[in-house]
Amino acid sequence: MSKTVYYHAGCPVCVEAERALLPLLNREVEVVHLGEQSPRVAEAEAAGVKSVPALVVDGQVLHLNFGAALADLK
């Protein structure tokens, strides 16, 4: 199975996107709270994430809305 990661910062926009979207996906999703897991910001950046919330599916980045710029989480 392919890898899916949901990156977020815990803001209301991110939490709402997680609540609304993730139950619709028919796959396992790793949820990464970058505010609590700051060492993983570099991983998200390397994957192409520019802002959160973002869903990375098989290397494709889907920026869902704008909650925070990734640069603001560094």
N, C-alpha and C. Protein backbone atom coordinates (compact mmCIF):
# COMPACT_ATOMS: atom_id res chain seq x y z
N MET A 1 0.84 -1.19 0.00
CA MET A 1 0.00 0.00 0.00
C MET A 1 0.88 1.24 0.00
N SER A 2 0.38 2.27 -0.62
CA SER A 2 1.13 3.52 -0.71
C SER A 2 1.09 4.27 0.62
N LYS A 3 2.00 5.23 0.74
CA LYS A 3 2.10 6.00 1.99
C LYS A 3 1.33 7.31 1.87
N THR A 4 0.58 7.61 2.91
CA THR A 4 -0.16 8.87 2.98
C THR A 4 0.13 9.52 4.32
N VAL A 5 0.51 10.80 4.26
CA VAL A 5 0.84 11.55 5.48
C VAL A 5 0.06 12.85 5.48
N TYR A 6 -0.58 13.15 6.58
CA TYR A 6 -1.30 14.41 6.76
C TYR A 6 -0.48 15.26 7.72
N TYR A 7 0.03 16.38 7.22
CA TYR A 7 0.82 17.31 8.04
C TYR A 7 -0.08 18.46 8.46
N HIS A 8 0.00 18.82 9.73
CA HIS A 8 -0.78 19.96 10.21
C HIS A 8 -0.07 20.61 11.38
N ALA A 9 -0.64 21.76 11.82
CA ALA A 9 -0.02 22.51 12.90
C ALA A 9 -0.93 22.64 14.12
N GLY A 10 -2.07 21.99 14.07
CA GLY A 10 -2.98 22.04 15.21
C GLY A 10 -3.91 23.24 15.24
N CYS A 11 -3.84 24.09 14.23
CA CYS A 11 -4.71 25.27 14.19
C CYS A 11 -6.13 24.85 13.83
N PRO A 12 -7.12 25.71 14.02
CA PRO A 12 -8.50 25.35 13.71
C PRO A 12 -8.71 24.91 12.25
N VAL A 13 -8.03 25.54 11.31
CA VAL A 13 -8.14 25.16 9.90
C VAL A 13 -7.65 23.73 9.71
N CYS A 14 -6.51 23.42 10.32
CA CYS A 14 -5.92 22.08 10.19
C CYS A 14 -6.79 21.02 10.84
N VAL A 15 -7.31 21.31 12.02
CA VAL A 15 -8.14 20.35 12.75
C VAL A 15 -9.43 20.08 11.98
N GLU A 16 -10.03 21.12 11.43
CA GLU A 16 -11.27 20.94 10.67
C GLU A 16 -11.02 20.14 9.39
N ALA A 17 -9.91 20.41 8.71
CA ALA A 17 -9.58 19.64 7.50
C ALA A 17 -9.37 18.17 7.85
N GLU A 18 -8.70 17.90 8.95
CA GLU A 18 -8.48 16.52 9.38
C GLU A 18 -9.82 15.84 9.70
N ARG A 19 -10.66 16.52 10.43
CA ARG A 19 -11.96 15.96 10.82
C ARG A 19 -12.84 15.68 9.60
N ALA A 20 -12.81 16.57 8.62
CA ALA A 20 -13.69 16.43 7.46
C ALA A 20 -13.15 15.49 6.39
N LEU A 21 -11.85 15.50 6.18
CA LEU A 21 -11.27 14.77 5.05
C LEU A 21 -10.82 13.35 5.36
N LEU A 22 -10.09 13.18 6.42
CA LEU A 22 -9.46 11.88 6.66
C LEU A 22 -10.45 10.72 6.75
N PRO A 23 -11.65 10.90 7.34
CA PRO A 23 -12.58 9.78 7.35
C PRO A 23 -13.05 9.35 5.95
N LEU A 24 -12.91 10.22 4.97
CA LEU A 24 -13.35 9.91 3.61
C LEU A 24 -12.34 9.07 2.85
N LEU A 25 -11.11 9.03 3.33
CA LEU A 25 -10.06 8.31 2.63
C LEU A 25 -10.12 6.82 2.96
N ASN A 26 -9.96 6.04 1.96
CA ASN A 26 -9.99 4.59 2.14
C ASN A 26 -8.56 4.06 2.23
N ARG A 27 -7.83 4.61 3.17
CA ARG A 27 -6.44 4.20 3.36
C ARG A 27 -5.95 4.67 4.72
N GLU A 28 -4.87 4.06 5.16
CA GLU A 28 -4.26 4.46 6.43
C GLU A 28 -3.51 5.78 6.21
N VAL A 29 -3.69 6.68 7.13
CA VAL A 29 -3.05 7.99 7.04
C VAL A 29 -2.24 8.24 8.31
N GLU A 30 -0.97 8.57 8.14
CA GLU A 30 -0.15 8.98 9.28
C GLU A 30 -0.40 10.46 9.52
N VAL A 31 -0.78 10.82 10.72
CA VAL A 31 -1.03 12.22 11.07
C VAL A 31 0.18 12.76 11.81
N VAL A 32 0.73 13.86 11.27
CA VAL A 32 1.93 14.48 11.85
C VAL A 32 1.59 15.91 12.26
N HIS A 33 1.61 16.16 13.55
CA HIS A 33 1.37 17.49 14.12
C HIS A 33 2.73 18.17 14.21
N LEU A 34 3.00 19.07 13.28
CA LEU A 34 4.32 19.69 13.21
C LEU A 34 4.61 20.62 14.38
N GLY A 35 3.57 21.10 15.03
CA GLY A 35 3.78 21.92 16.22
C GLY A 35 4.34 21.10 17.38
N GLU A 36 4.00 19.81 17.40
CA GLU A 36 4.47 18.91 18.46
C GLU A 36 5.65 18.05 18.00
N GLN A 37 5.84 17.93 16.70
CA GLN A 37 6.91 17.10 16.14
C GLN A 37 7.78 17.96 15.23
N SER A 38 8.33 19.02 15.78
CA SER A 38 9.09 19.98 14.97
C SER A 38 10.26 19.39 14.19
N PRO A 39 10.90 18.31 14.65
CA PRO A 39 11.96 17.74 13.82
C PRO A 39 11.46 17.23 12.46
N ARG A 40 10.16 17.02 12.34
CA ARG A 40 9.62 16.51 11.08
C ARG A 40 9.27 17.60 10.08
N VAL A 41 9.50 18.88 10.45
CA VAL A 41 9.29 19.99 9.52
C VAL A 41 10.19 19.81 8.30
N ALA A 42 11.43 19.42 8.51
CA ALA A 42 12.37 19.21 7.39
C ALA A 42 11.86 18.10 6.47
N GLU A 43 11.29 17.06 7.04
CA GLU A 43 10.71 15.96 6.24
C GLU A 43 9.56 16.47 5.37
N ALA A 44 8.68 17.28 5.97
CA ALA A 44 7.56 17.84 5.22
C ALA A 44 8.06 18.74 4.10
N GLU A 45 9.03 19.56 4.41
CA GLU A 45 9.62 20.46 3.41
C GLU A 45 10.22 19.66 2.26
N ALA A 46 10.94 18.60 2.57
CA ALA A 46 11.55 17.76 1.54
C ALA A 46 10.50 17.08 0.67
N ALA A 47 9.32 16.84 1.24
CA ALA A 47 8.23 16.23 0.48
C ALA A 47 7.53 17.23 -0.43
N GLY A 48 7.83 18.53 -0.24
CA GLY A 48 7.23 19.56 -1.08
C GLY A 48 6.13 20.35 -0.42
N VAL A 49 5.92 20.13 0.87
CA VAL A 49 4.89 20.86 1.60
C VAL A 49 5.34 22.31 1.78
N LYS A 50 4.45 23.24 1.43
CA LYS A 50 4.74 24.68 1.57
C LYS A 50 3.91 25.31 2.68
N SER A 51 2.75 24.70 2.95
CA SER A 51 1.87 25.20 4.01
C SER A 51 1.05 24.04 4.54
N VAL A 52 0.48 24.24 5.71
CA VAL A 52 -0.36 23.22 6.30
C VAL A 52 -1.77 23.77 6.46
N PRO A 53 -2.76 22.94 6.40
CA PRO A 53 -2.74 21.49 6.30
C PRO A 53 -2.38 21.03 4.89
N ALA A 54 -1.69 19.90 4.85
CA ALA A 54 -1.31 19.31 3.57
C ALA A 54 -1.36 17.79 3.69
N LEU A 55 -1.77 17.17 2.62
CA LEU A 55 -1.84 15.73 2.54
C LEU A 55 -0.86 15.29 1.46
N VAL A 56 0.04 14.38 1.82
CA VAL A 56 1.01 13.86 0.86
C VAL A 56 0.62 12.41 0.57
N VAL A 57 0.27 12.15 -0.69
CA VAL A 57 -0.16 10.82 -1.12
C VAL A 57 0.77 10.37 -2.23
N ASP A 58 1.51 9.32 -1.96
CA ASP A 58 2.44 8.77 -2.97
C ASP A 58 3.34 9.85 -3.57
N GLY A 59 3.81 10.76 -2.73
CA GLY A 59 4.72 11.80 -3.19
C GLY A 59 4.03 13.02 -3.78
N GLN A 60 2.72 12.98 -3.96
CA GLN A 60 1.95 14.12 -4.46
C GLN A 60 1.48 14.94 -3.27
N VAL A 61 1.76 16.25 -3.31
CA VAL A 61 1.35 17.13 -2.21
C VAL A 61 0.03 17.80 -2.56
N LEU A 62 -0.92 17.68 -1.66
CA LEU A 62 -2.20 18.35 -1.80
C LEU A 62 -2.32 19.37 -0.68
N HIS A 63 -2.18 20.65 -1.03
CA HIS A 63 -2.36 21.72 -0.05
C HIS A 63 -3.86 21.96 0.08
N LEU A 64 -4.41 21.68 1.25
CA LEU A 64 -5.85 21.66 1.43
C LEU A 64 -6.47 23.02 1.69
N ASN A 65 -5.78 23.87 2.35
CA ASN A 65 -6.27 25.18 2.74
C ASN A 65 -5.03 25.91 3.25
N PHE A 66 -5.19 27.09 3.76
CA PHE A 66 -4.02 27.76 4.34
C PHE A 66 -4.24 28.00 5.81
N GLY A 67 -3.51 27.23 6.61
CA GLY A 67 -3.55 27.40 8.06
C GLY A 67 -2.28 28.10 8.53
N ALA A 68 -1.14 27.69 7.99
CA ALA A 68 0.15 28.28 8.35
C ALA A 68 1.18 27.91 7.29
N ALA A 69 2.08 28.83 7.05
CA ALA A 69 3.20 28.55 6.14
C ALA A 69 4.18 27.65 6.86
N LEU A 70 4.78 26.73 6.12
CA LEU A 70 5.75 25.83 6.72
C LEU A 70 6.91 26.61 7.33
N ALA A 71 7.30 27.70 6.70
CA ALA A 71 8.39 28.53 7.22
C ALA A 71 8.08 29.06 8.62
N ASP A 72 6.80 29.29 8.92
CA ASP A 72 6.41 29.77 10.25
C ASP A 72 6.57 28.72 11.33
N LEU A 73 6.70 27.46 10.94
CA LEU A 73 6.83 26.37 11.91
C LEU A 73 8.27 26.03 12.22
N LYS A 74 9.18 26.66 11.53
CA LYS A 74 10.61 26.38 11.76
C LYS A 74 11.09 27.05 13.03
